[in-house]
Amino acid sequence: MLRKGRYKAWIISNTTLFHLSFTTGKTKIQYIFSKKRRKDAAVLKNASWPSGVMVWTEMFSQGSTKAFFVEPDIKIDAEYNQNKILKHLIKKSKRLYHQGNFVFHQDSALSYTVKSTTKWLKDLKINTLPPNK
């Protein structure tokens, strides 16, 4: 729906885990989509426990912001999502869209779809699209 121009003002938030492995003196980066399984991604040779970094990005219909690195060993649950990620996003969205005339699109990560987060967004009167749209 976003790409077909139905919504003129939109916001997307996404977190992604990047795995890094240092093999044969070269750094390899493995990107795994949330709908894919590790076996579907490229194989990391000689990396039993590759290091990883969680990155959160937000994109607006007017552009994107810088990527934010999530602290190591943080689990992105509903509480972290609401207090750290979405609060920042909502604050920025109110500056960009004064009348609140935007729609928020999220992926199907549990921290977004759990009842407490959907209620939290609804209580703030944030228009949302289902993850599969």
C-alpha atoms as a PDB file:
ATOM      1  CA  MET A   1       0.000   0.000   0.000  1.00  0.00           C
ATOM      2  CA  LEU A   2       2.822   2.416   0.771  1.00  0.00           C
ATOM      3  CA  ARG A   3       4.466   2.025  -2.596  1.00  0.00           C
ATOM      4  CA  LYS A   4       1.236   2.497  -4.517  1.00  0.00           C
ATOM      5  CA  GLY A   5       0.908   6.035  -3.171  1.00  0.00           C
ATOM      6  CA  ARG A   6      -2.196   5.481  -1.067  1.00  0.00           C
ATOM      7  CA  TYR A   7      -0.513   7.062   1.945  1.00  0.00           C
ATOM      8  CA  LYS A   8       1.351  10.336   1.458  1.00  0.00           C
ATOM      9  CA  ALA A   9       2.751  10.594   5.000  1.00  0.00           C
ATOM     10  CA  TRP A  10       4.144   7.403   6.498  1.00  0.00           C
ATOM     11  CA  ILE A  11       6.706   6.165   8.999  1.00  0.00           C
ATOM     12  CA  ILE A  12       8.445   2.793   9.087  1.00  0.00           C
ATOM     13  CA  SER A  13      10.539   1.459  11.949  1.00  0.00           C
ATOM     14  CA  ASN A  14      12.692  -1.647  11.732  1.00  0.00           C
ATOM     15  CA  THR A  15      15.357  -3.421  13.736  1.00  0.00           C
ATOM     16  CA  THR A  16      17.818  -5.758  12.076  1.00  0.00           C
ATOM     17  CA  LEU A  17      20.527  -8.019  13.430  1.00  0.00           C
ATOM     18  CA  PHE A  18      23.759  -7.998  11.457  1.00  0.00           C
ATOM     19  CA  HIS A  19      26.159 -10.894  12.043  1.00  0.00           C
ATOM     20  CA  LEU A  20      29.859 -10.313  11.622  1.00  0.00           C
ATOM     21  CA  SER A  21      32.500 -12.964  11.247  1.00  0.00           C
ATOM     22  CA  PHE A  22      36.199 -12.555  10.846  1.00  0.00           C
ATOM     23  CA  THR A  23      37.471 -15.398   8.694  1.00  0.00           C
ATOM     24  CA  THR A  24      40.592 -15.542   6.576  1.00  0.00           C
ATOM     25  CA  GLY A  25      41.381 -11.951   7.471  1.00  0.00           C
ATOM     26  CA  LYS A  26      38.237 -10.573   5.817  1.00  0.00           C
ATOM     27  CA  THR A  27      35.042  -9.339   7.402  1.00  0.00           C
ATOM     28  CA  LYS A  28      31.892 -10.978   6.118  1.00  0.00           C
ATOM     29  CA  ILE A  29      28.453  -9.567   6.813  1.00  0.00           C
ATOM     30  CA  GLN A  30      25.381 -11.759   6.852  1.00  0.00           C
ATOM     31  CA  TYR A  31      21.923 -10.164   6.628  1.00  0.00           C
ATOM     32  CA  ILE A  32      18.968 -12.323   7.619  1.00  0.00           C
ATOM     33  CA  PHE A  33      15.458 -11.098   6.821  1.00  0.00           C
ATOM     34  CA  SER A  34      12.902 -11.654   9.574  1.00  0.00           C
ATOM     35  CA  LYS A  35      10.893 -14.026   7.364  1.00  0.00           C
ATOM     36  CA  LYS A  36      13.948 -16.089   6.394  1.00  0.00           C
ATOM     37  CA  ARG A  37      15.738 -18.751   8.360  1.00  0.00           C
ATOM     38  CA  ARG A  38      19.453 -18.850   8.968  1.00  0.00           C
ATOM     39  CA  LYS A  39      19.844 -21.862   6.648  1.00  0.00           C
ATOM     40  CA  ASP A  40      18.406 -19.738   3.798  1.00  0.00           C
ATOM     41  CA  ALA A  41      21.140 -17.120   4.247  1.00  0.00           C
ATOM     42  CA  ALA A  42      24.758 -17.353   3.193  1.00  0.00           C
ATOM     43  CA  VAL A  43      26.848 -19.817   5.177  1.00  0.00           C
ATOM     44  CA  LEU A  44      29.476 -18.337   7.469  1.00  0.00           C
ATOM     45  CA  LYS A  45      32.487 -20.622   7.332  1.00  0.00           C
ATOM     46  CA  ASN A  46      34.650 -21.107  10.417  1.00  0.00           C
ATOM     47  CA  ALA A  47      32.427 -18.922  12.582  1.00  0.00           C
ATOM     48  CA  SER A  48      30.860 -20.910  15.390  1.00  0.00           C
ATOM     49  CA  TRP A  49      29.677 -17.870  17.327  1.00  0.00           C
ATOM     50  CA  PRO A  50      29.796 -14.801  15.073  1.00  0.00           C
ATOM     51  CA  SER A  51      29.501 -11.400  16.688  1.00  0.00           C
ATOM     52  CA  GLY A  52      26.403  -9.440  15.894  1.00  0.00           C
ATOM     53  CA  VAL A  53      25.103  -5.928  16.134  1.00  0.00           C
ATOM     54  CA  MET A  54      21.456  -4.860  16.312  1.00  0.00           C
ATOM     55  CA  VAL A  55      20.610  -1.759  14.297  1.00  0.00           C
ATOM     56  CA  TRP A  56      17.360   0.197  14.436  1.00  0.00           C
ATOM     57  CA  THR A  57      16.329   2.492  11.600  1.00  0.00           C
ATOM     58  CA  GLU A  58      13.382   4.729  10.939  1.00  0.00           C
ATOM     59  CA  MET A  59      12.244   5.905   7.553  1.00  0.00           C
ATOM     60  CA  PHE A  60       9.768   8.663   6.831  1.00  0.00           C
ATOM     61  CA  SER A  61       7.972   9.592   3.631  1.00  0.00           C
ATOM     62  CA  GLN A  62      10.260  12.653   3.668  1.00  0.00           C
ATOM     63  CA  GLY A  63      13.501  10.697   4.121  1.00  0.00           C
ATOM     64  CA  SER A  64      15.328   8.641   6.697  1.00  0.00           C
ATOM     65  CA  THR A  65      17.299   9.265   9.851  1.00  0.00           C
ATOM     66  CA  LYS A  66      20.611   7.883  10.975  1.00  0.00           C
ATOM     67  CA  ALA A  67      20.818   4.292  12.144  1.00  0.00           C
ATOM     68  CA  PHE A  68      20.824   3.684  15.884  1.00  0.00           C
ATOM     69  CA  PHE A  69      22.870   0.877  17.385  1.00  0.00           C
ATOM     70  CA  VAL A  70      21.117  -1.090  20.114  1.00  0.00           C
ATOM     71  CA  GLU A  71      23.251  -1.739  23.174  1.00  0.00           C
ATOM     72  CA  PRO A  72      24.846  -5.211  23.241  1.00  0.00           C
ATOM     73  CA  ASP A  73      22.918  -7.933  25.083  1.00  0.00           C
ATOM     74  CA  ILE A  74      19.647  -5.964  24.992  1.00  0.00           C
ATOM     75  CA  LYS A  75      16.547  -7.970  24.182  1.00  0.00           C
ATOM     76  CA  ILE A  76      14.063  -5.900  22.214  1.00  0.00           C
ATOM     77  CA  ASP A  77      10.862  -6.749  24.012  1.00  0.00           C
ATOM     78  CA  ALA A  78       7.641  -4.722  24.205  1.00  0.00           C
ATOM     79  CA  GLU A  79       8.878  -2.559  27.096  1.00  0.00           C
ATOM     80  CA  TYR A  80      12.179  -1.686  25.387  1.00  0.00           C
ATOM     81  CA  ASN A  81      10.374  -1.090  22.099  1.00  0.00           C
ATOM     82  CA  GLN A  82       7.864   1.305  23.663  1.00  0.00           C
ATOM     83  CA  ASN A  83      10.268   3.181  25.966  1.00  0.00           C
ATOM     84  CA  LYS A  84      13.348   3.449  23.759  1.00  0.00           C
ATOM     85  CA  ILE A  85      12.355   3.031  20.127  1.00  0.00           C
ATOM     86  CA  LEU A  86       8.751   4.099  19.690  1.00  0.00           C
ATOM     87  CA  LYS A  87       8.923   7.068  22.098  1.00  0.00           C
ATOM     88  CA  HIS A  88      11.758   8.494  20.010  1.00  0.00           C
ATOM     89  CA  LEU A  89       9.886   7.797  16.793  1.00  0.00           C
ATOM     90  CA  ILE A  90       6.631   9.358  18.054  1.00  0.00           C
ATOM     91  CA  LYS A  91       8.458  12.478  19.267  1.00  0.00           C
ATOM     92  CA  LYS A  92      10.108  12.917  15.870  1.00  0.00           C
ATOM     93  CA  SER A  93       6.877  12.196  13.983  1.00  0.00           C
ATOM     94  CA  LYS A  94       5.006  14.949  15.836  1.00  0.00           C
ATOM     95  CA  ARG A  95       7.645  17.437  14.684  1.00  0.00           C
ATOM     96  CA  LEU A  96       7.379  16.264  11.069  1.00  0.00           C
ATOM     97  CA  TYR A  97       3.611  15.772  10.901  1.00  0.00           C
ATOM     98  CA  HIS A  98       2.027  18.431  13.140  1.00  0.00           C
ATOM     99  CA  GLN A  99      -1.564  17.357  12.520  1.00  0.00           C
ATOM    100  CA  GLY A 100      -0.780  13.690  13.139  1.00  0.00           C
ATOM    101  CA  ASN A 101      -1.767  12.853   9.573  1.00  0.00           C
ATOM    102  CA  PHE A 102       0.638   9.947   9.102  1.00  0.00           C
ATOM    103  CA  VAL A 103       0.374   6.187   9.177  1.00  0.00           C
ATOM    104  CA  PHE A 104       2.863   3.995  11.020  1.00  0.00           C
ATOM    105  CA  HIS A 105       3.957   0.747   9.375  1.00  0.00           C
ATOM    106  CA  GLN A 106       5.743  -1.914  11.361  1.00  0.00           C
ATOM    107  CA  ASP A 107       7.043  -5.388  10.743  1.00  0.00           C
ATOM    108  CA  SER A 108       5.680  -8.478  12.462  1.00  0.00           C
ATOM    109  CA  ALA A 109       8.288  -8.608  15.227  1.00  0.00           C
ATOM    110  CA  LEU A 110       6.738  -9.651  18.533  1.00  0.00           C
ATOM    111  CA  SER A 111       7.755  -6.379  20.216  1.00  0.00           C
ATOM    112  CA  TYR A 112       5.466  -4.539  17.746  1.00  0.00           C
ATOM    113  CA  THR A 113       2.559  -6.981  17.608  1.00  0.00           C
ATOM    114  CA  VAL A 114       2.189  -7.798  21.302  1.00  0.00           C
ATOM    115  CA  LYS A 115      -1.068  -6.469  22.793  1.00  0.00           C
ATOM    116  CA  SER A 116       0.619  -3.963  25.102  1.00  0.00           C
ATOM    117  CA  THR A 117       2.353  -2.255  22.155  1.00  0.00           C
ATOM    118  CA  THR A 118      -0.724  -2.176  19.930  1.00  0.00           C
ATOM    119  CA  LYS A 119      -2.748  -0.751  22.840  1.00  0.00           C
ATOM    120  CA  TRP A 120       0.030   1.761  23.597  1.00  0.00           C
ATOM    121  CA  LEU A 121      -0.037   3.005  19.983  1.00  0.00           C
ATOM    122  CA  LYS A 122      -3.837   3.095  19.967  1.00  0.00           C
ATOM    123  CA  ASP A 123      -3.918   5.100  23.222  1.00  0.00           C
ATOM    124  CA  LEU A 124      -1.578   7.647  21.595  1.00  0.00           C
ATOM    125  CA  LYS A 125      -3.951   7.772  18.588  1.00  0.00           C
ATOM    126  CA  ILE A 126      -1.256   6.566  16.183  1.00  0.00           C
ATOM    127  CA  ASN A 127      -2.716   5.274  12.913  1.00  0.00           C
ATOM    128  CA  THR A 128      -1.081   1.947  12.096  1.00  0.00           C
ATOM    129  CA  LEU A 129      -1.061  -0.459   9.192  1.00  0.00           C
ATOM    130  CA  PRO A 130      -0.965  -4.202   9.800  1.00  0.00           C
ATOM    131  CA  PRO A 131       2.537  -5.683   9.319  1.00  0.00           C
ATOM    132  CA  ASN A 132       1.609  -7.513   6.108  1.00  0.00           C
ATOM    133  CA  LYS A 133       0.451  -4.408   4.162  1.00  0.00           C
END
